[in-house]
Amino acid sequence: MTVAPYYIHRMIQAIHRDPEACAAFASDPAPYYARYGLDQRQIALLEDASVASMTELGVHPNLQMKYLRMRTPRPAAGESALPGPLDAYLDRLLEKRNG
């Protein structure tokens, strides 16, 4: 299993804790990627913003949820949310149980 470099985890935590940073990141993440020294591969995986890319990068599941929440628009009232890391985790559990 790959583990993401600490600075990626630190970036996600720092942005998630600060509502202003979270809003700025949502509109233009490039300055944050530069500030934390991410390379092009890491940026591409984060920009993909899928559970698979987060897992490939080695982002901790808790931080995957935080990052994907920052990048995924919230559903309007009455709409269901898009699948996220928790859904992928639960699907894997079901596969193990039923497989």
PDB file of N, CA and C in Angstrom:
ATOM      1  N   MET A   1       0.839  -1.190   0.000  1.00  0.00           N
ATOM      2  CA  MET A   1       0.000   0.000   0.000  1.00  0.00           C
ATOM      3  C   MET A   1       0.879   1.246   0.000  1.00  0.00           C
ATOM      4  N   THR A   2       0.569   2.162  -0.859  1.00  0.00           N
ATOM      5  CA  THR A   2       1.284   3.430  -0.932  1.00  0.00           C
ATOM      6  C   THR A   2       0.735   4.367   0.133  1.00  0.00           C
ATOM      7  N   VAL A   3       1.617   5.137   0.740  1.00  0.00           N
ATOM      8  CA  VAL A   3       1.190   6.152   1.692  1.00  0.00           C
ATOM      9  C   VAL A   3       1.594   7.502   1.116  1.00  0.00           C
ATOM     10  N   ALA A   4       0.648   8.407   1.041  1.00  0.00           N
ATOM     11  CA  ALA A   4       0.919   9.737   0.493  1.00  0.00           C
ATOM     12  C   ALA A   4       1.964  10.440   1.346  1.00  0.00           C
ATOM     13  N   PRO A   5       2.783  11.270   0.713  1.00  0.00           N
ATOM     14  CA  PRO A   5       3.731  12.063   1.492  1.00  0.00           C
ATOM     15  C   PRO A   5       2.986  12.911   2.527  1.00  0.00           C
ATOM     16  N   TYR A   6       3.658  13.143   3.649  1.00  0.00           N
ATOM     17  CA  TYR A   6       3.054  13.891   4.746  1.00  0.00           C
ATOM     18  C   TYR A   6       2.500  15.236   4.285  1.00  0.00           C
ATOM     19  N   TYR A   7       3.226  15.922   3.407  1.00  0.00           N
ATOM     20  CA  TYR A   7       2.799  17.264   3.011  1.00  0.00           C
ATOM     21  C   TYR A   7       1.448  17.266   2.299  1.00  0.00           C
ATOM     22  N   ILE A   8       1.083  16.168   1.659  1.00  0.00           N
ATOM     23  CA  ILE A   8      -0.245  16.096   1.030  1.00  0.00           C
ATOM     24  C   ILE A   8      -1.313  15.987   2.110  1.00  0.00           C
ATOM     25  N   HIS A   9      -1.065  15.140   3.094  1.00  0.00           N
ATOM     26  CA  HIS A   9      -2.010  15.029   4.205  1.00  0.00           C
ATOM     27  C   HIS A   9      -2.118  16.364   4.942  1.00  0.00           C
ATOM     28  N   ARG A  10      -0.980  17.017   5.153  1.00  0.00           N
ATOM     29  CA  ARG A  10      -0.966  18.298   5.856  1.00  0.00           C
ATOM     30  C   ARG A  10      -1.759  19.350   5.078  1.00  0.00           C
ATOM     31  N   MET A  11      -1.592  19.374   3.758  1.00  0.00           N
ATOM     32  CA  MET A  11      -2.317  20.334   2.929  1.00  0.00           C
ATOM     33  C   MET A  11      -3.829  20.141   3.079  1.00  0.00           C
ATOM     34  N   ILE A  12      -4.276  18.896   2.972  1.00  0.00           N
ATOM     35  CA  ILE A  12      -5.714  18.618   3.064  1.00  0.00           C
ATOM     36  C   ILE A  12      -6.246  19.044   4.428  1.00  0.00           C
ATOM     37  N   GLN A  13      -5.521  18.693   5.497  1.00  0.00           N
ATOM     38  CA  GLN A  13      -5.961  19.064   6.851  1.00  0.00           C
ATOM     39  C   GLN A  13      -6.038  20.575   7.009  1.00  0.00           C
ATOM     40  N   ALA A  14      -4.991  21.283   6.569  1.00  0.00           N
ATOM     41  CA  ALA A  14      -4.939  22.735   6.746  1.00  0.00           C
ATOM     42  C   ALA A  14      -6.076  23.425   5.995  1.00  0.00           C
ATOM     43  N   ILE A  15      -6.308  23.015   4.771  1.00  0.00           N
ATOM     44  CA  ILE A  15      -7.376  23.638   3.980  1.00  0.00           C
ATOM     45  C   ILE A  15      -8.739  23.318   4.584  1.00  0.00           C
ATOM     46  N   HIS A  16      -8.926  22.077   4.985  1.00  0.00           N
ATOM     47  CA  HIS A  16     -10.221  21.648   5.528  1.00  0.00           C
ATOM     48  C   HIS A  16     -10.583  22.401   6.806  1.00  0.00           C
ATOM     49  N   ARG A  17      -9.591  22.763   7.599  1.00  0.00           N
ATOM     50  CA  ARG A  17      -9.841  23.452   8.876  1.00  0.00           C
ATOM     51  C   ARG A  17     -10.185  24.932   8.713  1.00  0.00           C
ATOM     52  N   ASP A  18      -9.892  25.502   7.562  1.00  0.00           N
ATOM     53  CA  ASP A  18     -10.049  26.941   7.354  1.00  0.00           C
ATOM     54  C   ASP A  18     -11.098  27.203   6.267  1.00  0.00           C
ATOM     55  N   PRO A  19     -12.294  27.676   6.650  1.00  0.00           N
ATOM     56  CA  PRO A  19     -13.355  27.894   5.660  1.00  0.00           C
ATOM     57  C   PRO A  19     -12.951  28.821   4.512  1.00  0.00           C
ATOM     58  N   GLU A  20     -12.161  29.859   4.803  1.00  0.00           N
ATOM     59  CA  GLU A  20     -11.721  30.766   3.740  1.00  0.00           C
ATOM     60  C   GLU A  20     -10.768  30.057   2.782  1.00  0.00           C
ATOM     61  N   ALA A  21      -9.847  29.278   3.334  1.00  0.00           N
ATOM     62  CA  ALA A  21      -8.914  28.514   2.490  1.00  0.00           C
ATOM     63  C   ALA A  21      -9.674  27.483   1.669  1.00  0.00           C
ATOM     64  N   CYS A  22     -10.681  26.887   2.276  1.00  0.00           N
ATOM     65  CA  CYS A  22     -11.489  25.877   1.583  1.00  0.00           C
ATOM     66  C   CYS A  22     -12.194  26.502   0.377  1.00  0.00           C
ATOM     67  N   ALA A  23     -12.748  27.682   0.551  1.00  0.00           N
ATOM     68  CA  ALA A  23     -13.425  28.368  -0.553  1.00  0.00           C
ATOM     69  C   ALA A  23     -12.418  28.775  -1.629  1.00  0.00           C
ATOM     70  N   ALA A  24     -11.261  29.275  -1.210  1.00  0.00           N
ATOM     71  CA  ALA A  24     -10.230  29.672  -2.174  1.00  0.00           C
ATOM     72  C   ALA A  24      -9.713  28.458  -2.936  1.00  0.00           C
ATOM     73  N   PHE A  25      -9.512  27.360  -2.235  1.00  0.00           N
ATOM     74  CA  PHE A  25      -9.030  26.128  -2.864  1.00  0.00           C
ATOM     75  C   PHE A  25     -10.040  25.612  -3.879  1.00  0.00           C
ATOM     76  N   ALA A  26     -11.316  25.687  -3.539  1.00  0.00           N
ATOM     77  CA  ALA A  26     -12.361  25.204  -4.446  1.00  0.00           C
ATOM     78  C   ALA A  26     -12.363  25.993  -5.755  1.00  0.00           C
ATOM     79  N   SER A  27     -12.059  27.289  -5.686  1.00  0.00           N
ATOM     80  CA  SER A  27     -12.074  28.093  -6.912  1.00  0.00           C
ATOM     81  C   SER A  27     -10.748  28.051  -7.666  1.00  0.00           C
ATOM     82  N   ASP A  28      -9.621  27.865  -6.953  1.00  0.00           N
ATOM     83  CA  ASP A  28      -8.312  27.812  -7.625  1.00  0.00           C
ATOM     84  C   ASP A  28      -7.315  27.057  -6.746  1.00  0.00           C
ATOM     85  N   PRO A  29      -7.194  25.746  -6.942  1.00  0.00           N
ATOM     86  CA  PRO A  29      -6.296  24.959  -6.101  1.00  0.00           C
ATOM     87  C   PRO A  29      -4.810  25.116  -6.423  1.00  0.00           C
ATOM     88  N   ALA A  30      -4.463  25.662  -7.589  1.00  0.00           N
ATOM     89  CA  ALA A  30      -3.057  25.727  -8.024  1.00  0.00           C
ATOM     90  C   ALA A  30      -2.118  26.377  -7.001  1.00  0.00           C
ATOM     91  N   PRO A  31      -2.486  27.511  -6.388  1.00  0.00           N
ATOM     92  CA  PRO A  31      -1.568  28.104  -5.408  1.00  0.00           C
ATOM     93  C   PRO A  31      -1.292  27.182  -4.209  1.00  0.00           C
ATOM     94  N   TYR A  32      -2.270  26.395  -3.826  1.00  0.00           N
ATOM     95  CA  TYR A  32      -2.076  25.467  -2.708  1.00  0.00           C
ATOM     96  C   TYR A  32      -1.162  24.319  -3.117  1.00  0.00           C
ATOM     97  N   TYR A  33      -1.346  23.816  -4.331  1.00  0.00           N
ATOM     98  CA  TYR A  33      -0.463  22.755  -4.820  1.00  0.00           C
ATOM     99  C   TYR A  33       0.980  23.253  -4.843  1.00  0.00           C
ATOM    100  N   ALA A  34       1.187  24.488  -5.296  1.00  0.00           N
ATOM    101  CA  ALA A  34       2.538  25.059  -5.351  1.00  0.00           C
ATOM    102  C   ALA A  34       3.097  25.274  -3.944  1.00  0.00           C
ATOM    103  N   ARG A  35       2.275  25.809  -3.055  1.00  0.00           N
ATOM    104  CA  ARG A  35       2.725  26.089  -1.689  1.00  0.00           C
ATOM    105  C   ARG A  35       3.199  24.821  -0.984  1.00  0.00           C
ATOM    106  N   TYR A  36       2.524  23.709  -1.249  1.00  0.00           N
ATOM    107  CA  TYR A  36       2.883  22.456  -0.585  1.00  0.00           C
ATOM    108  C   TYR A  36       3.841  21.594  -1.410  1.00  0.00           C
ATOM    109  N   GLY A  37       4.302  22.096  -2.553  1.00  0.00           N
ATOM    110  CA  GLY A  37       5.331  21.422  -3.328  1.00  0.00           C
ATOM    111  C   GLY A  37       4.920  20.134  -4.017  1.00  0.00           C
ATOM    112  N   LEU A  38       3.687  20.061  -4.480  1.00  0.00           N
ATOM    113  CA  LEU A  38       3.224  18.845  -5.162  1.00  0.00           C
ATOM    114  C   LEU A  38       3.803  18.762  -6.568  1.00  0.00           C
ATOM    115  N   ASP A  39       4.107  17.533  -7.001  1.00  0.00           N
ATOM    116  CA  ASP A  39       4.596  17.351  -8.370  1.00  0.00           C
ATOM    117  C   ASP A  39       3.407  17.136  -9.313  1.00  0.00           C
ATOM    118  N   GLN A  40       3.693  17.067 -10.611  1.00  0.00           N
ATOM    119  CA  GLN A  40       2.624  16.989 -11.613  1.00  0.00           C
ATOM    120  C   GLN A  40       1.772  15.728 -11.481  1.00  0.00           C
ATOM    121  N   ARG A  41       2.391  14.608 -11.147  1.00  0.00           N
ATOM    122  CA  ARG A  41       1.628  13.363 -10.974  1.00  0.00           C
ATOM    123  C   ARG A  41       0.662  13.489  -9.797  1.00  0.00           C
ATOM    124  N   GLN A  42       1.145  14.019  -8.686  1.00  0.00           N
ATOM    125  CA  GLN A  42       0.297  14.196  -7.510  1.00  0.00           C
ATOM    126  C   GLN A  42      -0.857  15.144  -7.814  1.00  0.00           C
ATOM    127  N   ILE A  43      -0.553  16.222  -8.518  1.00  0.00           N
ATOM    128  CA  ILE A  43      -1.603  17.181  -8.882  1.00  0.00           C
ATOM    129  C   ILE A  43      -2.641  16.517  -9.775  1.00  0.00           C
ATOM    130  N   ALA A  44      -2.185  15.750 -10.751  1.00  0.00           N
ATOM    131  CA  ALA A  44      -3.121  15.077 -11.665  1.00  0.00           C
ATOM    132  C   ALA A  44      -4.034  14.122 -10.906  1.00  0.00           C
ATOM    133  N   LEU A  45      -3.480  13.376  -9.953  1.00  0.00           N
ATOM    134  CA  LEU A  45      -4.306  12.447  -9.172  1.00  0.00           C
ATOM    135  C   LEU A  45      -5.302  13.205  -8.301  1.00  0.00           C
ATOM    136  N   LEU A  46      -4.861  14.298  -7.688  1.00  0.00           N
ATOM    137  CA  LEU A  46      -5.779  15.091  -6.873  1.00  0.00           C
ATOM    138  C   LEU A  46      -6.848  15.760  -7.734  1.00  0.00           C
ATOM    139  N   GLU A  47      -6.464  16.238  -8.899  1.00  0.00           N
ATOM    140  CA  GLU A  47      -7.434  16.875  -9.795  1.00  0.00           C
ATOM    141  C   GLU A  47      -8.479  15.883 -10.291  1.00  0.00           C
ATOM    142  N   ASP A  48      -8.073  14.623 -10.460  1.00  0.00           N
ATOM    143  CA  ASP A  48      -9.038  13.592 -10.858  1.00  0.00           C
ATOM    144  C   ASP A  48     -10.133  13.466  -9.801  1.00  0.00           C
ATOM    145  N   ALA A  49      -9.754  13.646  -8.547  1.00  0.00           N
ATOM    146  CA  ALA A  49     -10.693  13.660  -7.416  1.00  0.00           C
ATOM    147  C   ALA A  49     -11.614  12.446  -7.376  1.00  0.00           C
ATOM    148  N   SER A  50     -11.073  11.285  -7.715  1.00  0.00           N
ATOM    149  CA  SER A  50     -11.853  10.049  -7.605  1.00  0.00           C
ATOM    150  C   SER A  50     -11.303   9.229  -6.445  1.00  0.00           C
ATOM    151  N   VAL A  51     -12.110   8.324  -5.961  1.00  0.00           N
ATOM    152  CA  VAL A  51     -11.665   7.436  -4.891  1.00  0.00           C
ATOM    153  C   VAL A  51     -10.450   6.645  -5.363  1.00  0.00           C
ATOM    154  N   ALA A  52     -10.477   6.180  -6.603  1.00  0.00           N
ATOM    155  CA  ALA A  52      -9.359   5.390  -7.139  1.00  0.00           C
ATOM    156  C   ALA A  52      -8.064   6.202  -7.165  1.00  0.00           C
ATOM    157  N   SER A  53      -8.135   7.461  -7.593  1.00  0.00           N
ATOM    158  CA  SER A  53      -6.917   8.275  -7.649  1.00  0.00           C
ATOM    159  C   SER A  53      -6.409   8.609  -6.254  1.00  0.00           C
ATOM    160  N   MET A  54      -7.320   8.857  -5.323  1.00  0.00           N
ATOM    161  CA  MET A  54      -6.912   9.128  -3.944  1.00  0.00           C
ATOM    162  C   MET A  54      -6.212   7.907  -3.340  1.00  0.00           C
ATOM    163  N   THR A  55      -6.751   6.732  -3.623  1.00  0.00           N
ATOM    164  CA  THR A  55      -6.167   5.495  -3.119  1.00  0.00           C
ATOM    165  C   THR A  55      -4.807   5.260  -3.758  1.00  0.00           C
ATOM    166  N   GLU A  56      -4.704   5.488  -5.064  1.00  0.00           N
ATOM    167  CA  GLU A  56      -3.419   5.327  -5.753  1.00  0.00           C
ATOM    168  C   GLU A  56      -2.364   6.259  -5.165  1.00  0.00           C
ATOM    169  N   LEU A  57      -2.766   7.468  -4.833  1.00  0.00           N
ATOM    170  CA  LEU A  57      -1.848   8.441  -4.250  1.00  0.00           C
ATOM    171  C   LEU A  57      -1.475   8.068  -2.817  1.00  0.00           C
ATOM    172  N   GLY A  58      -2.326   7.292  -2.158  1.00  0.00           N
ATOM    173  CA  GLY A  58      -2.054   6.862  -0.794  1.00  0.00           C
ATOM    174  C   GLY A  58      -2.628   7.776   0.271  1.00  0.00           C
ATOM    175  N   VAL A  59      -3.638   8.555  -0.101  1.00  0.00           N
ATOM    176  CA  VAL A  59      -4.270   9.460   0.857  1.00  0.00           C
ATOM    177  C   VAL A  59      -5.079   8.639   1.852  1.00  0.00           C
ATOM    178  N   HIS A  60      -4.908   8.945   3.129  1.00  0.00           N
ATOM    179  CA  HIS A  60      -5.634   8.255   4.198  1.00  0.00           C
ATOM    180  C   HIS A  60      -7.140   8.372   3.941  1.00  0.00           C
ATOM    181  N   PRO A  61      -7.910   7.293   4.175  1.00  0.00           N
ATOM    182  CA  PRO A  61      -9.355   7.328   3.897  1.00  0.00           C
ATOM    183  C   PRO A  61     -10.100   8.500   4.540  1.00  0.00           C
ATOM    184  N   ASN A  62      -9.736   8.855   5.767  1.00  0.00           N
ATOM    185  CA  ASN A  62     -10.391   9.993   6.419  1.00  0.00           C
ATOM    186  C   ASN A  62     -10.126  11.274   5.635  1.00  0.00           C
ATOM    187  N   LEU A  63      -8.893  11.445   5.187  1.00  0.00           N
ATOM    188  CA  LEU A  63      -8.546  12.639   4.427  1.00  0.00           C
ATOM    189  C   LEU A  63      -9.110  12.590   3.011  1.00  0.00           C
ATOM    190  N   GLN A  64      -9.305  11.388   2.478  1.00  0.00           N
ATOM    191  CA  GLN A  64      -9.983  11.267   1.180  1.00  0.00           C
ATOM    192  C   GLN A  64     -11.365  11.893   1.275  1.00  0.00           C
ATOM    193  N   MET A  65     -12.084  11.540   2.336  1.00  0.00           N
ATOM    194  CA  MET A  65     -13.442  12.078   2.500  1.00  0.00           C
ATOM    195  C   MET A  65     -13.412  13.597   2.619  1.00  0.00           C
ATOM    196  N   LYS A  66     -12.468  14.112   3.407  1.00  0.00           N
ATOM    197  CA  LYS A  66     -12.374  15.562   3.568  1.00  0.00           C
ATOM    198  C   LYS A  66     -12.045  16.235   2.241  1.00  0.00           C
ATOM    199  N   TYR A  67     -11.068  15.692   1.520  1.00  0.00           N
ATOM    200  CA  TYR A  67     -10.664  16.285   0.242  1.00  0.00           C
ATOM    201  C   TYR A  67     -11.812  16.239  -0.765  1.00  0.00           C
ATOM    202  N   LEU A  68     -12.438  15.095  -0.880  1.00  0.00           N
ATOM    203  CA  LEU A  68     -13.518  14.968  -1.860  1.00  0.00           C
ATOM    204  C   LEU A  68     -14.712  15.845  -1.499  1.00  0.00           C
ATOM    205  N   ARG A  69     -14.946  16.055  -0.211  1.00  0.00           N
ATOM    206  CA  ARG A  69     -16.001  16.988   0.199  1.00  0.00           C
ATOM    207  C   ARG A  69     -15.652  18.413  -0.211  1.00  0.00           C
ATOM    208  N   MET A  70     -14.360  18.751  -0.124  1.00  0.00           N
ATOM    209  CA  MET A  70     -13.940  20.102  -0.518  1.00  0.00           C
ATOM    210  C   MET A  70     -14.069  20.299  -2.023  1.00  0.00           C
ATOM    211  N   ARG A  71     -13.905  19.240  -2.798  1.00  0.00           N
ATOM    212  CA  ARG A  71     -13.897  19.338  -4.260  1.00  0.00           C
ATOM    213  C   ARG A  71     -15.246  19.051  -4.904  1.00  0.00           C
ATOM    214  N   THR A  72     -16.136  18.360  -4.212  1.00  0.00           N
ATOM    215  CA  THR A  72     -17.414  17.950  -4.786  1.00  0.00           C
ATOM    216  C   THR A  72     -18.516  18.889  -4.319  1.00  0.00           C
ATOM    217  N   PRO A  73     -19.251  19.491  -5.243  1.00  0.00           N
ATOM    218  CA  PRO A  73     -20.344  20.374  -4.830  1.00  0.00           C
ATOM    219  C   PRO A  73     -21.381  19.608  -4.004  1.00  0.00           C
ATOM    220  N   ARG A  74     -21.894  20.286  -3.025  1.00  0.00           N
ATOM    221  CA  ARG A  74     -22.933  19.663  -2.200  1.00  0.00           C
ATOM    222  C   ARG A  74     -24.213  19.531  -3.021  1.00  0.00           C
ATOM    223  N   PRO A  75     -24.935  18.412  -2.827  1.00  0.00           N
ATOM    224  CA  PRO A  75     -26.184  18.243  -3.576  1.00  0.00           C
ATOM    225  C   PRO A  75     -27.246  19.229  -3.089  1.00  0.00           C
ATOM    226  N   ALA A  76     -28.111  19.613  -3.989  1.00  0.00           N
ATOM    227  CA  ALA A  76     -29.229  20.486  -3.630  1.00  0.00           C
ATOM    228  C   ALA A  76     -30.209  19.704  -2.762  1.00  0.00           C
ATOM    229  N   ALA A  77     -31.049  20.416  -2.062  1.00  0.00           N
ATOM    230  CA  ALA A  77     -32.045  19.767  -1.210  1.00  0.00           C
ATOM    231  C   ALA A  77     -32.862  18.781  -2.033  1.00  0.00           C
ATOM    232  N   GLY A  78     -33.005  17.580  -1.529  1.00  0.00           N
ATOM    233  CA  GLY A  78     -33.787  16.556  -2.200  1.00  0.00           C
ATOM    234  C   GLY A  78     -32.993  15.701  -3.169  1.00  0.00           C
ATOM    235  N   GLU A  79     -31.764  16.118  -3.503  1.00  0.00           N
ATOM    236  CA  GLU A  79     -30.914  15.317  -4.391  1.00  0.00           C
ATOM    237  C   GLU A  79     -30.033  14.397  -3.554  1.00  0.00           C
ATOM    238  N   SER A  80     -29.670  13.263  -4.141  1.00  0.00           N
ATOM    239  CA  SER A  80     -28.775  12.367  -3.416  1.00  0.00           C
ATOM    240  C   SER A  80     -27.332  12.757  -3.717  1.00  0.00           C
ATOM    241  N   ALA A  81     -26.463  12.463  -2.781  1.00  0.00           N
ATOM    242  CA  ALA A  81     -25.042  12.781  -2.931  1.00  0.00           C
ATOM    243  C   ALA A  81     -24.384  11.824  -3.909  1.00  0.00           C
ATOM    244  N   LEU A  82     -23.298  12.289  -4.520  1.00  0.00           N
ATOM    245  CA  LEU A  82     -22.510  11.433  -5.394  1.00  0.00           C
ATOM    246  C   LEU A  82     -21.775  10.394  -4.558  1.00  0.00           C
ATOM    247  N   PRO A  83     -21.467   9.233  -5.127  1.00  0.00           N
ATOM    248  CA  PRO A  83     -20.705   8.238  -4.380  1.00  0.00           C
ATOM    249  C   PRO A  83     -19.349   8.806  -3.965  1.00  0.00           C
ATOM    250  N   GLY A  84     -18.904   8.432  -2.800  1.00  0.00           N
ATOM    251  CA  GLY A  84     -17.619   8.911  -2.295  1.00  0.00           C
ATOM    252  C   GLY A  84     -16.810   7.791  -1.683  1.00  0.00           C
ATOM    253  N   PRO A  85     -15.772   8.132  -0.919  1.00  0.00           N
ATOM    254  CA  PRO A  85     -14.891   7.121  -0.357  1.00  0.00           C
ATOM    255  C   PRO A  85     -15.596   6.155   0.588  1.00  0.00           C
ATOM    256  N   LEU A  86     -16.577   6.639   1.326  1.00  0.00           N
ATOM    257  CA  LEU A  86     -17.288   5.742   2.230  1.00  0.00           C
ATOM    258  C   LEU A  86     -18.053   4.693   1.437  1.00  0.00           C
ATOM    259  N   ASP A  87     -18.646   5.096   0.324  1.00  0.00           N
ATOM    260  CA  ASP A  87     -19.352   4.134  -0.534  1.00  0.00           C
ATOM    261  C   ASP A  87     -18.393   3.075  -1.064  1.00  0.00           C
ATOM    262  N   ALA A  88     -17.211   3.500  -1.504  1.00  0.00           N
ATOM    263  CA  ALA A  88     -16.216   2.553  -2.028  1.00  0.00           C
ATOM    264  C   ALA A  88     -15.777   1.584  -0.931  1.00  0.00           C
ATOM    265  N   TYR A  89     -15.582   2.098   0.270  1.00  0.00           N
ATOM    266  CA  TYR A  89     -15.186   1.254   1.398  1.00  0.00           C
ATOM    267  C   TYR A  89     -16.281   0.229   1.711  1.00  0.00           C
ATOM    268  N   LEU A  90     -17.515   0.676   1.767  1.00  0.00           N
ATOM    269  CA  LEU A  90     -18.620  -0.240   2.060  1.00  0.00           C
ATOM    270  C   LEU A  90     -18.789  -1.280   0.957  1.00  0.00           C
ATOM    271  N   ASP A  91     -18.584  -0.871  -0.295  1.00  0.00           N
ATOM    272  CA  ASP A  91     -18.638  -1.835  -1.402  1.00  0.00           C
ATOM    273  C   ASP A  91     -17.569  -2.908  -1.247  1.00  0.00           C
ATOM    274  N   ARG A  92     -16.356  -2.507  -0.849  1.00  0.00           N
ATOM    275  CA  ARG A  92     -15.278  -3.489  -0.643  1.00  0.00           C
ATOM    276  C   ARG A  92     -15.635  -4.449   0.485  1.00  0.00           C
ATOM    277  N   LEU A  93     -16.236  -3.935   1.547  1.00  0.00           N
ATOM    278  CA  LEU A  93     -16.652  -4.809   2.652  1.00  0.00           C
ATOM    279  C   LEU A  93     -17.682  -5.826   2.180  1.00  0.00           C
ATOM    280  N   LEU A  94     -18.646  -5.366   1.380  1.00  0.00           N
ATOM    281  CA  LEU A  94     -19.660  -6.284   0.859  1.00  0.00           C
ATOM    282  C   LEU A  94     -19.042  -7.342  -0.046  1.00  0.00           C
ATOM    283  N   GLU A  95     -18.075  -6.939  -0.868  1.00  0.00           N
ATOM    284  CA  GLU A  95     -17.400  -7.903  -1.743  1.00  0.00           C
ATOM    285  C   GLU A  95     -16.694  -8.976  -0.920  1.00  0.00           C
ATOM    286  N   LYS A  96     -16.013  -8.564   0.140  1.00  0.00           N
ATOM    287  CA  LYS A  96     -15.317  -9.528   1.004  1.00  0.00           C
ATOM    288  C   LYS A  96     -16.319 -10.460   1.678  1.00  0.00           C
ATOM    289  N   ARG A  97     -17.407  -9.882   2.127  1.00  0.00           N
ATOM    290  CA  ARG A  97     -18.417 -10.675   2.832  1.00  0.00           C
ATOM    291  C   ARG A  97     -19.099 -11.671   1.894  1.00  0.00           C
ATOM    292  N   ASN A  98     -19.404 -11.221   0.684  1.00  0.00           N
ATOM    293  CA  ASN A  98     -20.144 -12.056  -0.262  1.00  0.00           C
ATOM    294  C   ASN A  98     -19.245 -12.848  -1.207  1.00  0.00           C
ATOM    295  N   GLY A  99     -17.965 -12.534  -1.220  1.00  0.00           N
ATOM    296  CA  GLY A  99     -17.063 -13.157  -2.194  1.00  0.00           C
ATOM    297  C   GLY A  99     -16.391 -14.343  -1.662  1.00  0.00           C
TER     298      GLY A  99
END
